[in-house]
Structures are given as C-alpha cells and as structure tokens.
C-alpha cells in the first residue's frame, strides 16, 4: 500500500507545527510506503521561494522534513507537471498493479482531487488545527 501526499495537506499540517508524515503514519495501521510526487516538491519549492507570510515558512519546513526523513519518504517522478495530476497518475499506476481490493491512501485537502479518486483511494485530511482525520 502507498500513502501519497499533496501540497495542501502537508502545508496545513506544517502551518499547525505538525508533521503530516508522522500524523499519517499514526492513523494508517498497516505498513506502507510514504510517497510525494516530484510535482508536489516543485510546488513546495515555488511557494518557499516567495517572500513574507506563513506559506513560504510552512513550505520550507515541509521541504526540510522530506530531506530529514530520507529513505522513509520517497520522492517519485511522474510525467505530469501539476501536483494533482501527478497524484492521479500515481494512484492509477498503483491500483493497476495492485491486487483486488488494494487501494492507496491520499493525504489531501483538495475536494476536487478527492472526488475524482473516491473509488480508487481512501483519504486523510488536515484540519486548520493540524488534526488529521479520515475524510
């Protein structure tokens, strides 16, 4: 099983001073692979390059977490340049090669993304407080 992270989820957790990776591991009882699409890392770098405000600081914190966690979090290349499209691509690849009843977990606050993948994945969302819940 693979847990895939979106920019919105990671940023919301970081803004509340929490690690989205640790929160997801806490809720997902099975062993799994933590994965971040390269396009999401690109989005985080773009946000981190901006000046002022909380968003660049949160993005920098998430990028540091990805670097610190090393082999526990895999940054995966995809053919899609946008984070949401890259996540869809990863989910479809994972479910195609998986066994019957196998699914991915997608960590995202993006309603449109969740709606488009509802039959292929289960979802975790981050609240403003940093609390992570199944949604």
N, C-alpha and C. Protein backbone atom coordinates (compact mmCIF):
# COMPACT_ATOMS: atom_id res chain seq x y z
N UNK A 1 0.85 -1.17 0.00
CA UNK A 1 0.00 0.00 0.00
C UNK A 1 0.89 1.23 0.00
N UNK A 2 0.40 2.28 -0.62
CA UNK A 2 1.17 3.51 -0.74
C UNK A 2 0.34 4.67 -0.18
N UNK A 3 0.99 5.54 0.59
CA UNK A 3 0.37 6.77 1.06
C UNK A 3 0.99 7.92 0.28
N UNK A 4 0.16 8.67 -0.43
CA UNK A 4 0.61 9.74 -1.32
C UNK A 4 0.19 11.08 -0.74
N UNK A 5 1.12 12.03 -0.73
CA UNK A 5 0.88 13.32 -0.09
C UNK A 5 0.73 14.45 -1.10
N UNK A 6 -0.22 15.35 -0.82
CA UNK A 6 -0.49 16.53 -1.64
C UNK A 6 0.04 17.77 -0.91
N UNK A 7 0.29 18.80 -1.67
CA UNK A 7 0.79 20.06 -1.13
C UNK A 7 -0.13 20.61 -0.05
N UNK A 8 -1.44 20.62 -0.31
CA UNK A 8 -2.40 21.23 0.63
C UNK A 8 -2.35 20.57 2.00
N UNK A 9 -2.25 19.26 2.03
CA UNK A 9 -2.20 18.51 3.28
C UNK A 9 -0.91 18.83 4.05
N UNK A 10 0.21 18.73 3.36
CA UNK A 10 1.50 18.97 4.02
C UNK A 10 1.62 20.40 4.54
N UNK A 11 1.12 21.35 3.77
CA UNK A 11 1.19 22.77 4.18
C UNK A 11 0.30 23.03 5.40
N UNK A 12 -0.89 22.47 5.42
CA UNK A 12 -1.82 22.67 6.53
C UNK A 12 -1.22 22.11 7.83
N UNK A 13 -0.64 20.92 7.75
CA UNK A 13 -0.01 20.32 8.93
C UNK A 13 1.17 21.17 9.40
N UNK A 14 2.02 21.60 8.47
CA UNK A 14 3.20 22.40 8.82
C UNK A 14 2.80 23.73 9.44
N UNK A 15 1.73 24.35 8.94
CA UNK A 15 1.26 25.62 9.49
C UNK A 15 0.83 25.47 10.95
N UNK A 16 0.38 24.27 11.30
CA UNK A 16 -0.03 23.99 12.69
C UNK A 16 1.13 23.43 13.51
N UNK A 17 2.33 23.36 12.90
CA UNK A 17 3.50 22.87 13.62
C UNK A 17 3.58 21.37 13.75
N UNK A 18 2.94 20.65 12.84
CA UNK A 18 2.94 19.18 12.89
C UNK A 18 3.52 18.60 11.61
N UNK A 19 3.98 17.37 11.72
CA UNK A 19 4.47 16.65 10.55
C UNK A 19 3.32 15.86 9.94
N UNK A 20 2.97 16.18 8.70
CA UNK A 20 1.93 15.43 8.01
C UNK A 20 2.31 13.97 7.85
N UNK A 21 3.60 13.70 7.71
CA UNK A 21 4.07 12.33 7.56
C UNK A 21 3.84 11.53 8.84
N UNK A 22 4.20 12.11 9.97
CA UNK A 22 4.01 11.43 11.26
C UNK A 22 2.53 11.23 11.57
N UNK A 23 1.72 12.22 11.26
CA UNK A 23 0.28 12.11 11.51
C UNK A 23 -0.34 11.01 10.66
N UNK A 24 0.07 10.91 9.40
CA UNK A 24 -0.47 9.87 8.52
C UNK A 24 -0.02 8.48 9.00
N UNK A 25 1.25 8.36 9.40
CA UNK A 25 1.73 7.07 9.91
C UNK A 25 0.98 6.65 11.16
N UNK A 26 0.62 7.61 11.97
CA UNK A 26 -0.11 7.32 13.21
C UNK A 26 -1.49 6.73 12.90
N UNK A 27 -2.16 7.24 11.87
CA UNK A 27 -3.52 6.79 11.55
C UNK A 27 -3.57 5.54 10.67
N UNK A 28 -2.54 5.33 9.87
CA UNK A 28 -2.53 4.17 8.98
C UNK A 28 -1.81 3.05 9.71
N UNK A 29 -2.56 2.03 10.06
CA UNK A 29 -2.03 0.95 10.90
C UNK A 29 -1.17 -0.04 10.12
N UNK A 30 -1.39 -0.17 8.84
CA UNK A 30 -0.62 -1.12 8.03
C UNK A 30 0.71 -0.49 7.62
N UNK A 31 1.70 -1.33 7.35
CA UNK A 31 2.97 -0.79 6.86
C UNK A 31 2.74 -0.33 5.42
N UNK A 32 3.31 0.77 5.07
CA UNK A 32 3.14 1.29 3.73
C UNK A 32 4.30 2.17 3.33
N UNK A 33 4.29 2.57 2.08
CA UNK A 33 5.31 3.45 1.54
C UNK A 33 4.79 4.87 1.55
N UNK A 34 5.59 5.81 2.06
CA UNK A 34 5.22 7.22 2.03
C UNK A 34 5.82 7.82 0.76
N UNK A 35 4.97 8.43 -0.07
CA UNK A 35 5.43 8.94 -1.36
C UNK A 35 4.94 10.36 -1.60
N UNK A 36 5.83 11.16 -2.17
CA UNK A 36 5.50 12.53 -2.56
C UNK A 36 5.85 12.66 -4.05
N UNK A 37 4.90 13.05 -4.89
CA UNK A 37 5.23 13.25 -6.30
C UNK A 37 6.25 14.38 -6.46
N UNK A 38 7.12 14.23 -7.44
CA UNK A 38 8.09 15.29 -7.72
C UNK A 38 7.41 16.62 -8.00
N UNK A 39 6.23 16.59 -8.61
CA UNK A 39 5.50 17.82 -8.91
C UNK A 39 5.08 18.55 -7.63
N UNK A 40 4.77 17.80 -6.57
CA UNK A 40 4.43 18.41 -5.28
C UNK A 40 5.66 19.07 -4.68
N UNK A 41 6.81 18.42 -4.79
CA UNK A 41 8.06 19.02 -4.30
C UNK A 41 8.33 20.32 -5.07
N UNK A 42 8.07 20.30 -6.38
CA UNK A 42 8.22 21.51 -7.19
C UNK A 42 7.30 22.63 -6.72
N UNK A 43 6.05 22.29 -6.40
CA UNK A 43 5.11 23.29 -5.89
C UNK A 43 5.60 23.86 -4.56
N UNK A 44 6.11 22.98 -3.68
CA UNK A 44 6.62 23.42 -2.38
C UNK A 44 7.82 24.36 -2.55
N UNK A 45 8.72 24.04 -3.48
CA UNK A 45 9.88 24.89 -3.74
C UNK A 45 9.45 26.26 -4.26
N UNK A 46 8.44 26.27 -5.12
CA UNK A 46 7.92 27.52 -5.67
C UNK A 46 7.32 28.40 -4.56
N UNK A 47 6.56 27.78 -3.66
CA UNK A 47 5.96 28.52 -2.55
C UNK A 47 7.04 29.01 -1.60
N UNK A 48 8.04 28.17 -1.33
CA UNK A 48 9.13 28.53 -0.40
C UNK A 48 9.96 29.70 -0.92
N UNK A 49 10.02 29.87 -2.24
CA UNK A 49 10.82 30.95 -2.83
C UNK A 49 10.17 32.32 -2.68
N UNK A 50 8.89 32.36 -2.34
CA UNK A 50 8.19 33.64 -2.17
C UNK A 50 8.62 34.29 -0.86
N UNK A 51 8.38 35.58 -0.75
CA UNK A 51 8.79 36.31 0.45
C UNK A 51 7.59 36.65 1.32
N UNK A 52 7.82 36.60 2.62
CA UNK A 52 6.82 37.03 3.59
C UNK A 52 5.67 36.06 3.76
N UNK A 53 5.02 36.15 4.91
CA UNK A 53 3.86 35.33 5.18
C UNK A 53 4.20 33.97 5.74
N UNK A 54 3.17 33.23 6.11
CA UNK A 54 3.34 31.92 6.72
C UNK A 54 3.55 30.81 5.69
N UNK A 55 2.99 30.98 4.49
CA UNK A 55 3.07 29.90 3.49
C UNK A 55 4.50 29.55 3.11
N UNK A 56 5.37 30.54 2.81
CA UNK A 56 6.75 30.17 2.49
C UNK A 56 7.47 29.46 3.65
N UNK A 57 7.18 29.87 4.86
CA UNK A 57 7.80 29.21 6.02
C UNK A 57 7.32 27.77 6.15
N UNK A 58 6.02 27.57 5.95
CA UNK A 58 5.46 26.21 6.02
C UNK A 58 6.06 25.33 4.92
N UNK A 59 6.19 25.88 3.72
CA UNK A 59 6.76 25.12 2.60
C UNK A 59 8.21 24.74 2.89
N UNK A 60 8.98 25.67 3.45
CA UNK A 60 10.38 25.38 3.80
C UNK A 60 10.44 24.28 4.85
N UNK A 61 9.55 24.33 5.82
CA UNK A 61 9.51 23.31 6.87
C UNK A 61 9.21 21.93 6.28
N UNK A 62 8.25 21.86 5.37
CA UNK A 62 7.91 20.58 4.74
C UNK A 62 9.10 20.05 3.93
N UNK A 63 9.77 20.93 3.18
CA UNK A 63 10.93 20.50 2.41
C UNK A 63 12.04 19.98 3.31
N UNK A 64 12.22 20.62 4.46
CA UNK A 64 13.21 20.13 5.43
C UNK A 64 12.83 18.76 5.95
N UNK A 65 11.53 18.56 6.23
CA UNK A 65 11.06 17.26 6.71
C UNK A 65 11.33 16.18 5.67
N UNK A 66 11.05 16.47 4.41
CA UNK A 66 11.29 15.50 3.34
C UNK A 66 12.78 15.13 3.31
N UNK A 67 13.64 16.14 3.43
CA UNK A 67 15.08 15.89 3.44
C UNK A 67 15.53 15.11 4.66
N UNK A 68 14.97 15.43 5.83
CA UNK A 68 15.35 14.78 7.08
C UNK A 68 14.89 13.33 7.12
N UNK A 69 13.71 13.05 6.60
CA UNK A 69 13.17 11.69 6.67
C UNK A 69 13.85 10.75 5.69
N UNK A 70 14.54 11.30 4.72
CA UNK A 70 15.37 10.50 3.82
C UNK A 70 14.64 9.35 3.16
N UNK A 71 15.05 8.12 3.46
CA UNK A 71 14.50 6.95 2.77
C UNK A 71 13.09 6.60 3.20
N UNK A 72 12.60 7.17 4.31
CA UNK A 72 11.22 6.87 4.73
C UNK A 72 10.20 7.52 3.80
N UNK A 73 10.59 8.63 3.16
CA UNK A 73 9.69 9.32 2.22
C UNK A 73 10.35 9.29 0.84
N UNK A 74 9.64 8.68 -0.12
CA UNK A 74 10.18 8.61 -1.48
C UNK A 74 9.58 9.72 -2.33
N UNK A 75 10.45 10.47 -3.00
CA UNK A 75 10.00 11.45 -3.98
C UNK A 75 9.98 10.72 -5.31
N UNK A 76 8.78 10.64 -5.91
CA UNK A 76 8.63 9.86 -7.13
C UNK A 76 8.40 10.74 -8.34
N UNK A 77 9.10 10.41 -9.41
CA UNK A 77 8.94 11.15 -10.67
C UNK A 77 7.67 10.69 -11.36
N UNK A 78 6.99 11.65 -11.96
CA UNK A 78 5.81 11.35 -12.76
C UNK A 78 5.90 12.14 -14.06
N UNK A 79 5.05 11.83 -15.01
CA UNK A 79 5.07 12.56 -16.28
C UNK A 79 4.24 13.85 -16.21
N UNK A 80 3.53 14.05 -15.13
CA UNK A 80 2.64 15.22 -15.00
C UNK A 80 3.33 16.34 -14.22
N UNK A 81 3.24 17.59 -14.71
CA UNK A 81 3.90 18.71 -14.03
C UNK A 81 3.11 19.31 -12.85
N UNK A 82 1.80 19.06 -12.80
CA UNK A 82 0.98 19.59 -11.70
C UNK A 82 0.79 18.53 -10.64
N UNK A 83 0.79 18.98 -9.38
CA UNK A 83 0.68 18.06 -8.25
C UNK A 83 -0.53 17.16 -8.30
N UNK A 84 -1.72 17.72 -8.54
CA UNK A 84 -2.95 16.91 -8.56
C UNK A 84 -2.92 15.86 -9.67
N UNK A 85 -2.45 16.26 -10.84
CA UNK A 85 -2.36 15.32 -11.96
C UNK A 85 -1.34 14.22 -11.66
N UNK A 86 -0.24 14.59 -11.02
CA UNK A 86 0.78 13.60 -10.66
C UNK A 86 0.23 12.61 -9.64
N UNK A 87 -0.57 13.09 -8.71
CA UNK A 87 -1.18 12.20 -7.71
C UNK A 87 -2.14 11.23 -8.39
N UNK A 88 -2.97 11.74 -9.30
CA UNK A 88 -3.88 10.86 -10.04
C UNK A 88 -3.09 9.78 -10.79
N UNK A 89 -2.01 10.19 -11.45
CA UNK A 89 -1.19 9.23 -12.19
C UNK A 89 -0.63 8.15 -11.25
N UNK A 90 -0.13 8.55 -10.10
CA UNK A 90 0.42 7.59 -9.14
C UNK A 90 -0.65 6.63 -8.63
N UNK A 91 -1.84 7.17 -8.33
CA UNK A 91 -2.92 6.31 -7.83
C UNK A 91 -3.33 5.29 -8.89
N UNK A 92 -3.49 5.73 -10.14
CA UNK A 92 -3.90 4.81 -11.20
C UNK A 92 -2.83 3.74 -11.43
N UNK A 93 -1.56 4.12 -11.42
CA UNK A 93 -0.49 3.12 -11.58
C UNK A 93 -0.50 2.12 -10.44
N UNK A 94 -0.65 2.62 -9.23
CA UNK A 94 -0.62 1.75 -8.05
C UNK A 94 -1.80 0.78 -8.03
N UNK A 95 -2.99 1.27 -8.36
CA UNK A 95 -4.17 0.40 -8.33
C UNK A 95 -4.19 -0.58 -9.49
N UNK A 96 -3.57 -0.23 -10.63
CA UNK A 96 -3.49 -1.16 -11.76
C UNK A 96 -2.63 -2.36 -11.42
N UNK A 97 -1.53 -2.13 -10.73
CA UNK A 97 -0.62 -3.25 -10.43
C UNK A 97 -0.97 -3.98 -9.14
N UNK A 98 -1.86 -3.38 -8.34
CA UNK A 98 -2.21 -3.98 -7.05
C UNK A 98 -3.15 -5.17 -7.18
N UNK A 99 -3.36 -5.82 -6.06
CA UNK A 99 -4.28 -6.94 -6.02
C UNK A 99 -5.70 -6.45 -5.81
N UNK A 100 -6.66 -7.34 -5.97
CA UNK A 100 -8.08 -7.00 -5.80
C UNK A 100 -8.31 -6.43 -4.39
N UNK A 101 -8.99 -5.31 -4.32
CA UNK A 101 -9.29 -4.69 -3.03
C UNK A 101 -8.17 -3.79 -2.51
N UNK A 102 -7.06 -3.73 -3.21
CA UNK A 102 -5.92 -2.89 -2.83
C UNK A 102 -6.25 -1.44 -3.17
N UNK A 103 -5.82 -0.54 -2.34
CA UNK A 103 -6.09 0.87 -2.59
C UNK A 103 -4.92 1.71 -2.09
N UNK A 104 -4.92 2.96 -2.48
CA UNK A 104 -3.92 3.92 -2.00
C UNK A 104 -4.58 4.80 -0.95
N UNK A 105 -3.75 5.44 -0.17
CA UNK A 105 -4.23 6.47 0.74
C UNK A 105 -3.68 7.78 0.20
N UNK A 106 -4.55 8.75 0.01
CA UNK A 106 -4.15 10.06 -0.48
C UNK A 106 -4.40 11.07 0.63
N UNK A 107 -3.36 11.81 0.98
CA UNK A 107 -3.45 12.84 2.01
C UNK A 107 -3.60 14.18 1.30
N UNK A 108 -4.81 14.72 1.30
CA UNK A 108 -5.09 15.96 0.57
C UNK A 108 -6.30 16.67 1.15
N UNK A 109 -6.25 17.98 1.11
CA UNK A 109 -7.41 18.80 1.50
C UNK A 109 -8.19 19.24 0.26
N UNK A 110 -7.77 18.86 -0.92
CA UNK A 110 -8.37 19.28 -2.17
C UNK A 110 -9.62 18.45 -2.47
N UNK A 111 -10.78 19.07 -2.38
CA UNK A 111 -12.05 18.36 -2.57
C UNK A 111 -12.17 17.77 -3.98
N UNK A 112 -11.79 18.54 -4.99
CA UNK A 112 -11.91 18.06 -6.37
C UNK A 112 -11.03 16.83 -6.60
N UNK A 113 -9.85 16.83 -6.04
CA UNK A 113 -8.96 15.67 -6.17
C UNK A 113 -9.57 14.46 -5.48
N UNK A 114 -10.05 14.67 -4.26
CA UNK A 114 -10.67 13.56 -3.52
C UNK A 114 -11.87 13.00 -4.27
N UNK A 115 -12.69 13.88 -4.81
CA UNK A 115 -13.89 13.45 -5.53
C UNK A 115 -13.52 12.64 -6.77
N UNK A 116 -12.47 13.05 -7.49
CA UNK A 116 -12.09 12.36 -8.72
C UNK A 116 -11.47 10.98 -8.46
N UNK A 117 -10.99 10.75 -7.23
CA UNK A 117 -10.33 9.48 -6.91
C UNK A 117 -11.09 8.64 -5.89
N UNK A 118 -12.32 8.99 -5.60
CA UNK A 118 -13.03 8.36 -4.48
C UNK A 118 -13.19 6.84 -4.61
N UNK A 119 -13.18 6.31 -5.82
CA UNK A 119 -13.33 4.86 -5.98
C UNK A 119 -11.99 4.14 -5.99
N UNK A 120 -10.90 4.88 -6.03
CA UNK A 120 -9.58 4.28 -6.13
C UNK A 120 -8.74 4.44 -4.87
N UNK A 121 -9.16 5.33 -3.96
CA UNK A 121 -8.31 5.65 -2.81
C UNK A 121 -9.14 5.97 -1.57
N UNK A 122 -8.48 5.92 -0.43
CA UNK A 122 -9.04 6.43 0.83
C UNK A 122 -8.29 7.71 1.13
N UNK A 123 -8.90 8.58 1.95
CA UNK A 123 -8.32 9.91 2.12
C UNK A 123 -8.14 10.33 3.57
N UNK A 124 -7.05 11.06 3.78
CA UNK A 124 -6.80 11.74 5.05
C UNK A 124 -6.80 13.24 4.75
N UNK A 125 -7.40 14.02 5.65
CA UNK A 125 -7.45 15.48 5.51
C UNK A 125 -6.85 16.11 6.76
N UNK A 126 -6.28 17.28 6.60
CA UNK A 126 -5.72 18.03 7.73
C UNK A 126 -6.63 19.21 8.04
N UNK A 127 -7.01 19.33 9.30
CA UNK A 127 -7.81 20.47 9.75
C UNK A 127 -6.88 21.64 10.04
N UNK A 128 -7.44 22.85 10.21
CA UNK A 128 -6.64 24.03 10.50
C UNK A 128 -5.81 23.86 11.76
N UNK A 129 -6.31 23.09 12.71
CA UNK A 129 -5.61 22.85 13.97
C UNK A 129 -4.42 21.90 13.79
N UNK A 130 -4.33 21.29 12.61
CA UNK A 130 -3.29 20.31 12.35
C UNK A 130 -3.74 18.90 12.62
N UNK A 131 -4.96 18.75 13.14
CA UNK A 131 -5.50 17.42 13.39
C UNK A 131 -5.78 16.73 12.05
N UNK A 132 -5.37 15.49 11.95
CA UNK A 132 -5.56 14.72 10.70
C UNK A 132 -6.67 13.72 10.93
N UNK A 133 -7.62 13.68 9.98
CA UNK A 133 -8.78 12.80 10.11
C UNK A 133 -9.03 12.08 8.78
N UNK A 134 -9.72 10.94 8.85
CA UNK A 134 -10.18 10.26 7.65
C UNK A 134 -11.32 11.08 7.07
N UNK A 135 -11.36 11.26 5.77
CA UNK A 135 -12.45 12.02 5.17
C UNK A 135 -12.94 11.36 3.91
